[in-house]
Amino acid sequence: MDAASHLSALAAAYLERREDMRRFFLARLGGGADVEDLVQELYLKVQGAAGETIENPPAYLYRLASNLMLDRLRRAKRSGARETEWRRTHHATVGALDVADTPDAESAVIARQRLEKLSKALETLSPVTQRVFRLHKFEGLTHAETAERMGISRSAVEKHVSLALGHLLKRVGP
């Protein structure tokens, strides 16, 4: 057989089994546009197989269908992993509080009130303790970096942070 007749045999097998291919995808993926997309992709693969020698066109169709489906599932898994990583890096947390990217109005009011309490409680601390706490907790400096910037010992930074956290816990709560 020449390439044209192989293509014709494969195209004929596809046309003959198109509905079977749809059910094949449907059984494995459930409903949705993915099934129709995969049937169309399968057709494109059949058209692209012009120069290949295919001894068993129906088996080849099912192999193509399986590979397309697995590729789609892998892409979805990678996409999910990317989304999870994006949320991990772009979704902020402050202490134990989760700060959503787009909070609802009630959450925004509660967060604003909590921030005001926190700010007022911080103002009652000594200026040195406030500065150490802000550098370490808000600017993300390590104890060593904070100590260097403030010109105090690392132990002093730890004591100031501990003092501030205890004070804030009493004034604002967990």
C-alpha atoms as a PDB file:
ATOM      1  CA  MET A   1       0.000   0.000   0.000  1.00  0.00           C
ATOM      2  CA  ASP A   2       1.208   3.523  -0.692  1.00  0.00           C
ATOM      3  CA  ALA A   3       1.013   6.476   1.748  1.00  0.00           C
ATOM      4  CA  ALA A   4      -2.226   7.789   0.274  1.00  0.00           C
ATOM      5  CA  SER A   5      -4.030   4.506   0.815  1.00  0.00           C
ATOM      6  CA  HIS A   6      -2.665   4.296   4.396  1.00  0.00           C
ATOM      7  CA  LEU A   7      -3.983   7.783   5.022  1.00  0.00           C
ATOM      8  CA  SER A   8      -7.255   6.810   3.464  1.00  0.00           C
ATOM      9  CA  ALA A   9      -7.438   3.688   5.644  1.00  0.00           C
ATOM     10  CA  LEU A  10      -6.675   5.738   8.751  1.00  0.00           C
ATOM     11  CA  ALA A  11      -9.096   8.499   7.742  1.00  0.00           C
ATOM     12  CA  ALA A  12     -11.740   5.863   7.022  1.00  0.00           C
ATOM     13  CA  ALA A  13     -11.087   4.251  10.415  1.00  0.00           C
ATOM     14  CA  TYR A  14     -11.450   7.658  12.064  1.00  0.00           C
ATOM     15  CA  LEU A  15     -14.703   8.448  10.247  1.00  0.00           C
ATOM     16  CA  GLU A  16     -16.028   4.992  11.053  1.00  0.00           C
ATOM     17  CA  ARG A  17     -15.118   5.273  14.742  1.00  0.00           C
ATOM     18  CA  ARG A  18     -15.515   8.989  15.411  1.00  0.00           C
ATOM     19  CA  GLU A  19     -18.419   8.428  17.797  1.00  0.00           C
ATOM     20  CA  ASP A  20     -16.499   5.588  19.486  1.00  0.00           C
ATOM     21  CA  MET A  21     -13.581   7.968  19.999  1.00  0.00           C
ATOM     22  CA  ARG A  22     -15.921  10.537  21.527  1.00  0.00           C
ATOM     23  CA  ARG A  23     -17.287   7.911  23.937  1.00  0.00           C
ATOM     24  CA  PHE A  24     -13.702   6.777  24.680  1.00  0.00           C
ATOM     25  CA  PHE A  25     -12.773  10.318  25.792  1.00  0.00           C
ATOM     26  CA  LEU A  26     -16.109  10.845  27.531  1.00  0.00           C
ATOM     27  CA  ALA A  27     -15.708   7.675  29.616  1.00  0.00           C
ATOM     28  CA  ARG A  28     -12.269   8.736  30.788  1.00  0.00           C
ATOM     29  CA  LEU A  29     -12.677  12.503  31.186  1.00  0.00           C
ATOM     30  CA  GLY A  30     -16.348  13.048  31.853  1.00  0.00           C
ATOM     31  CA  GLY A  31     -18.281  15.692  29.942  1.00  0.00           C
ATOM     32  CA  GLY A  32     -17.214  19.092  28.804  1.00  0.00           C
ATOM     33  CA  ALA A  33     -15.564  20.811  25.898  1.00  0.00           C
ATOM     34  CA  ASP A  34     -12.371  18.800  26.403  1.00  0.00           C
ATOM     35  CA  VAL A  35     -13.999  15.772  24.792  1.00  0.00           C
ATOM     36  CA  GLU A  36     -14.898  17.602  21.577  1.00  0.00           C
ATOM     37  CA  ASP A  37     -11.513  19.311  21.539  1.00  0.00           C
ATOM     38  CA  LEU A  38      -9.785  15.948  21.794  1.00  0.00           C
ATOM     39  CA  VAL A  39     -11.904  14.479  18.986  1.00  0.00           C
ATOM     40  CA  GLN A  40     -10.846  17.422  16.811  1.00  0.00           C
ATOM     41  CA  GLU A  41      -7.189  17.053  17.823  1.00  0.00           C
ATOM     42  CA  LEU A  42      -7.411  13.373  16.958  1.00  0.00           C
ATOM     43  CA  TYR A  43      -8.677  14.294  13.496  1.00  0.00           C
ATOM     44  CA  LEU A  44      -5.712  16.643  13.060  1.00  0.00           C
ATOM     45  CA  LYS A  45      -3.334  13.876  14.100  1.00  0.00           C
ATOM     46  CA  VAL A  46      -4.968  11.531  11.577  1.00  0.00           C
ATOM     47  CA  GLN A  47      -4.453  14.133   8.860  1.00  0.00           C
ATOM     48  CA  GLY A  48      -0.841  14.599   9.946  1.00  0.00           C
ATOM     49  CA  ALA A  49      -0.059  10.884   9.690  1.00  0.00           C
ATOM     50  CA  ALA A  50       0.149  10.971   5.897  1.00  0.00           C
ATOM     51  CA  GLY A  51       3.599   9.435   5.488  1.00  0.00           C
ATOM     52  CA  GLU A  52       3.405   6.747   8.169  1.00  0.00           C
ATOM     53  CA  THR A  53       2.901   3.057   7.521  1.00  0.00           C
ATOM     54  CA  ILE A  54       0.019   1.945   9.684  1.00  0.00           C
ATOM     55  CA  GLU A  55      -0.707  -1.746   9.869  1.00  0.00           C
ATOM     56  CA  ASN A  56      -3.731  -1.589  12.160  1.00  0.00           C
ATOM     57  CA  PRO A  57      -5.553   1.766  11.773  1.00  0.00           C
ATOM     58  CA  PRO A  58      -8.164   1.162  14.549  1.00  0.00           C
ATOM     59  CA  ALA A  59      -5.465   0.275  17.099  1.00  0.00           C
ATOM     60  CA  TYR A  60      -3.429   3.283  15.922  1.00  0.00           C
ATOM     61  CA  LEU A  61      -6.478   5.525  16.464  1.00  0.00           C
ATOM     62  CA  TYR A  62      -6.914   4.312  20.020  1.00  0.00           C
ATOM     63  CA  ARG A  63      -3.196   4.779  20.704  1.00  0.00           C
ATOM     64  CA  LEU A  64      -3.382   8.339  19.334  1.00  0.00           C
ATOM     65  CA  ALA A  65      -6.493   8.973  21.430  1.00  0.00           C
ATOM     66  CA  SER A  66      -4.806   7.649  24.586  1.00  0.00           C
ATOM     67  CA  ASN A  67      -1.714   9.763  23.985  1.00  0.00           C
ATOM     68  CA  LEU A  68      -3.790  12.899  23.350  1.00  0.00           C
ATOM     69  CA  MET A  69      -5.788  12.308  26.511  1.00  0.00           C
ATOM     70  CA  LEU A  70      -2.657  11.712  28.602  1.00  0.00           C
ATOM     71  CA  ASP A  71      -1.041  14.849  27.179  1.00  0.00           C
ATOM     72  CA  ARG A  72      -4.155  16.831  28.092  1.00  0.00           C
ATOM     73  CA  LEU A  73      -4.161  15.432  31.626  1.00  0.00           C
ATOM     74  CA  ARG A  74      -0.449  16.205  32.065  1.00  0.00           C
ATOM     75  CA  ARG A  75      -1.005  19.769  30.859  1.00  0.00           C
ATOM     76  CA  ALA A  76      -3.882  20.162  33.308  1.00  0.00           C
ATOM     77  CA  LYS A  77      -1.724  18.828  36.134  1.00  0.00           C
ATOM     78  CA  ARG A  78       1.126  21.211  35.260  1.00  0.00           C
ATOM     79  CA  SER A  79      -1.349  24.058  35.003  1.00  0.00           C
ATOM     80  CA  GLY A  80      -2.713  23.181  38.450  1.00  0.00           C
ATOM     81  CA  ALA A  81       0.795  23.069  39.859  1.00  0.00           C
ATOM     82  CA  ARG A  82       1.573  26.474  38.315  1.00  0.00           C
ATOM     83  CA  GLU A  83      -1.621  27.919  39.793  1.00  0.00           C
ATOM     84  CA  THR A  84      -0.814  26.494  43.219  1.00  0.00           C
ATOM     85  CA  GLU A  85       2.687  27.945  43.044  1.00  0.00           C
ATOM     86  CA  TRP A  86       1.303  31.306  41.918  1.00  0.00           C
ATOM     87  CA  ARG A  87      -1.145  31.373  44.820  1.00  0.00           C
ATOM     88  CA  ARG A  88       1.649  30.393  47.206  1.00  0.00           C
ATOM     89  CA  THR A  89       3.833  33.274  46.039  1.00  0.00           C
ATOM     90  CA  HIS A  90       1.110  35.882  45.426  1.00  0.00           C
ATOM     91  CA  HIS A  91      -1.279  35.148  48.277  1.00  0.00           C
ATOM     92  CA  ALA A  92      -0.031  36.915  51.354  1.00  0.00           C
ATOM     93  CA  THR A  93      -0.260  35.767  54.949  1.00  0.00           C
ATOM     94  CA  VAL A  94       0.403  37.932  57.956  1.00  0.00           C
ATOM     95  CA  GLY A  95       1.096  35.762  60.958  1.00  0.00           C
ATOM     96  CA  ALA A  96      -1.699  33.209  61.065  1.00  0.00           C
ATOM     97  CA  LEU A  97      -4.066  35.443  59.082  1.00  0.00           C
ATOM     98  CA  ASP A  98      -4.631  34.706  55.411  1.00  0.00           C
ATOM     99  CA  VAL A  99      -4.800  37.928  53.413  1.00  0.00           C
ATOM    100  CA  ALA A 100      -6.862  37.312  50.286  1.00  0.00           C
ATOM    101  CA  ASP A 101      -6.012  39.100  47.045  1.00  0.00           C
ATOM    102  CA  THR A 102      -9.550  40.423  46.786  1.00  0.00           C
ATOM    103  CA  PRO A 103     -11.251  40.431  50.198  1.00  0.00           C
ATOM    104  CA  ASP A 104     -14.969  40.984  50.526  1.00  0.00           C
ATOM    105  CA  ALA A 105     -16.193  44.201  52.156  1.00  0.00           C
ATOM    106  CA  GLU A 106     -16.724  42.670  55.607  1.00  0.00           C
ATOM    107  CA  SER A 107     -13.258  41.115  55.633  1.00  0.00           C
ATOM    108  CA  ALA A 108     -11.732  44.419  54.539  1.00  0.00           C
ATOM    109  CA  VAL A 109     -13.441  46.305  57.391  1.00  0.00           C
ATOM    110  CA  ILE A 110     -12.387  43.681  59.948  1.00  0.00           C
ATOM    111  CA  ALA A 111      -8.804  43.715  58.666  1.00  0.00           C
ATOM    112  CA  ARG A 112      -8.706  47.524  58.730  1.00  0.00           C
ATOM    113  CA  GLN A 113      -9.998  47.587  62.325  1.00  0.00           C
ATOM    114  CA  ARG A 114      -7.471  44.946  63.353  1.00  0.00           C
ATOM    115  CA  LEU A 115      -4.682  46.906  61.686  1.00  0.00           C
ATOM    116  CA  GLU A 116      -5.736  50.067  63.536  1.00  0.00           C
ATOM    117  CA  LYS A 117      -5.645  48.164  66.851  1.00  0.00           C
ATOM    118  CA  LEU A 118      -2.243  46.765  65.981  1.00  0.00           C
ATOM    119  CA  SER A 119      -0.909  50.186  65.039  1.00  0.00           C
ATOM    120  CA  LYS A 120      -2.213  51.775  68.267  1.00  0.00           C
ATOM    121  CA  ALA A 121      -0.767  48.947  70.343  1.00  0.00           C
ATOM    122  CA  LEU A 122       2.607  49.339  68.607  1.00  0.00           C
ATOM    123  CA  GLU A 123       2.621  53.070  69.427  1.00  0.00           C
ATOM    124  CA  THR A 124       2.534  52.255  73.146  1.00  0.00           C
ATOM    125  CA  LEU A 125       5.880  50.444  72.878  1.00  0.00           C
ATOM    126  CA  SER A 126       9.244  52.179  73.221  1.00  0.00           C
ATOM    127  CA  PRO A 127      10.580  53.663  69.963  1.00  0.00           C
ATOM    128  CA  VAL A 128      13.440  51.117  69.876  1.00  0.00           C
ATOM    129  CA  THR A 129      11.080  48.139  70.328  1.00  0.00           C
ATOM    130  CA  GLN A 130       8.740  49.558  67.665  1.00  0.00           C
ATOM    131  CA  ARG A 131      11.595  49.978  65.184  1.00  0.00           C
ATOM    132  CA  VAL A 132      13.030  46.508  65.851  1.00  0.00           C
ATOM    133  CA  PHE A 133       9.583  44.943  65.469  1.00  0.00           C
ATOM    134  CA  ARG A 134       8.821  46.812  62.249  1.00  0.00           C
ATOM    135  CA  LEU A 135      12.185  45.946  60.692  1.00  0.00           C
ATOM    136  CA  HIS A 136      11.883  42.296  61.571  1.00  0.00           C
ATOM    137  CA  LYS A 137       8.180  41.615  61.004  1.00  0.00           C
ATOM    138  CA  PHE A 138       7.141  44.165  58.378  1.00  0.00           C
ATOM    139  CA  GLU A 139      10.329  44.562  56.358  1.00  0.00           C
ATOM    140  CA  GLY A 140      11.304  40.921  56.741  1.00  0.00           C
ATOM    141  CA  LEU A 141      14.824  41.435  58.047  1.00  0.00           C
ATOM    142  CA  THR A 142      16.430  38.603  59.984  1.00  0.00           C
ATOM    143  CA  HIS A 143      17.436  39.095  63.602  1.00  0.00           C
ATOM    144  CA  ALA A 144      21.054  39.476  62.504  1.00  0.00           C
ATOM    145  CA  GLU A 145      20.178  42.060  59.812  1.00  0.00           C
ATOM    146  CA  THR A 146      17.980  43.982  62.251  1.00  0.00           C
ATOM    147  CA  ALA A 147      20.748  43.953  64.856  1.00  0.00           C
ATOM    148  CA  GLU A 148      23.268  45.268  62.340  1.00  0.00           C
ATOM    149  CA  ARG A 149      20.970  48.032  61.093  1.00  0.00           C
ATOM    150  CA  MET A 150      20.032  49.101  64.621  1.00  0.00           C
ATOM    151  CA  GLY A 151      23.544  48.787  66.045  1.00  0.00           C
ATOM    152  CA  ILE A 152      22.422  46.435  68.828  1.00  0.00           C
ATOM    153  CA  SER A 153      23.113  42.789  69.629  1.00  0.00           C
ATOM    154  CA  ARG A 154      21.141  39.930  68.111  1.00  0.00           C
ATOM    155  CA  SER A 155      20.059  38.950  71.616  1.00  0.00           C
ATOM    156  CA  ALA A 156      18.625  42.458  72.119  1.00  0.00           C
ATOM    157  CA  VAL A 157      16.669  42.114  68.858  1.00  0.00           C
ATOM    158  CA  GLU A 158      15.222  38.804  70.049  1.00  0.00           C
ATOM    159  CA  LYS A 159      14.199  40.374  73.361  1.00  0.00           C
ATOM    160  CA  HIS A 160      12.575  43.393  71.661  1.00  0.00           C
ATOM    161  CA  VAL A 161      10.662  41.162  69.204  1.00  0.00           C
ATOM    162  CA  SER A 162       9.526  38.879  72.023  1.00  0.00           C
ATOM    163  CA  LEU A 163       8.455  41.867  74.120  1.00  0.00           C
ATOM    164  CA  ALA A 164       6.529  43.374  71.195  1.00  0.00           C
ATOM    165  CA  LEU A 165       4.790  40.102  70.332  1.00  0.00           C
ATOM    166  CA  GLY A 166       3.745  39.561  73.953  1.00  0.00           C
ATOM    167  CA  HIS A 167       2.468  43.118  74.188  1.00  0.00           C
ATOM    168  CA  LEU A 168       0.537  42.868  70.909  1.00  0.00           C
ATOM    169  CA  LEU A 169      -0.946  39.542  71.895  1.00  0.00           C
ATOM    170  CA  LYS A 170      -2.295  41.073  75.117  1.00  0.00           C
ATOM    171  CA  ARG A 171      -3.599  44.220  73.395  1.00  0.00           C
ATOM    172  CA  VAL A 172      -4.892  42.842  70.079  1.00  0.00           C
ATOM    173  CA  GLY A 173      -5.243  39.104  70.658  1.00  0.00           C
ATOM    174  CA  PRO A 174      -4.208  36.172  68.477  1.00  0.00           C
END
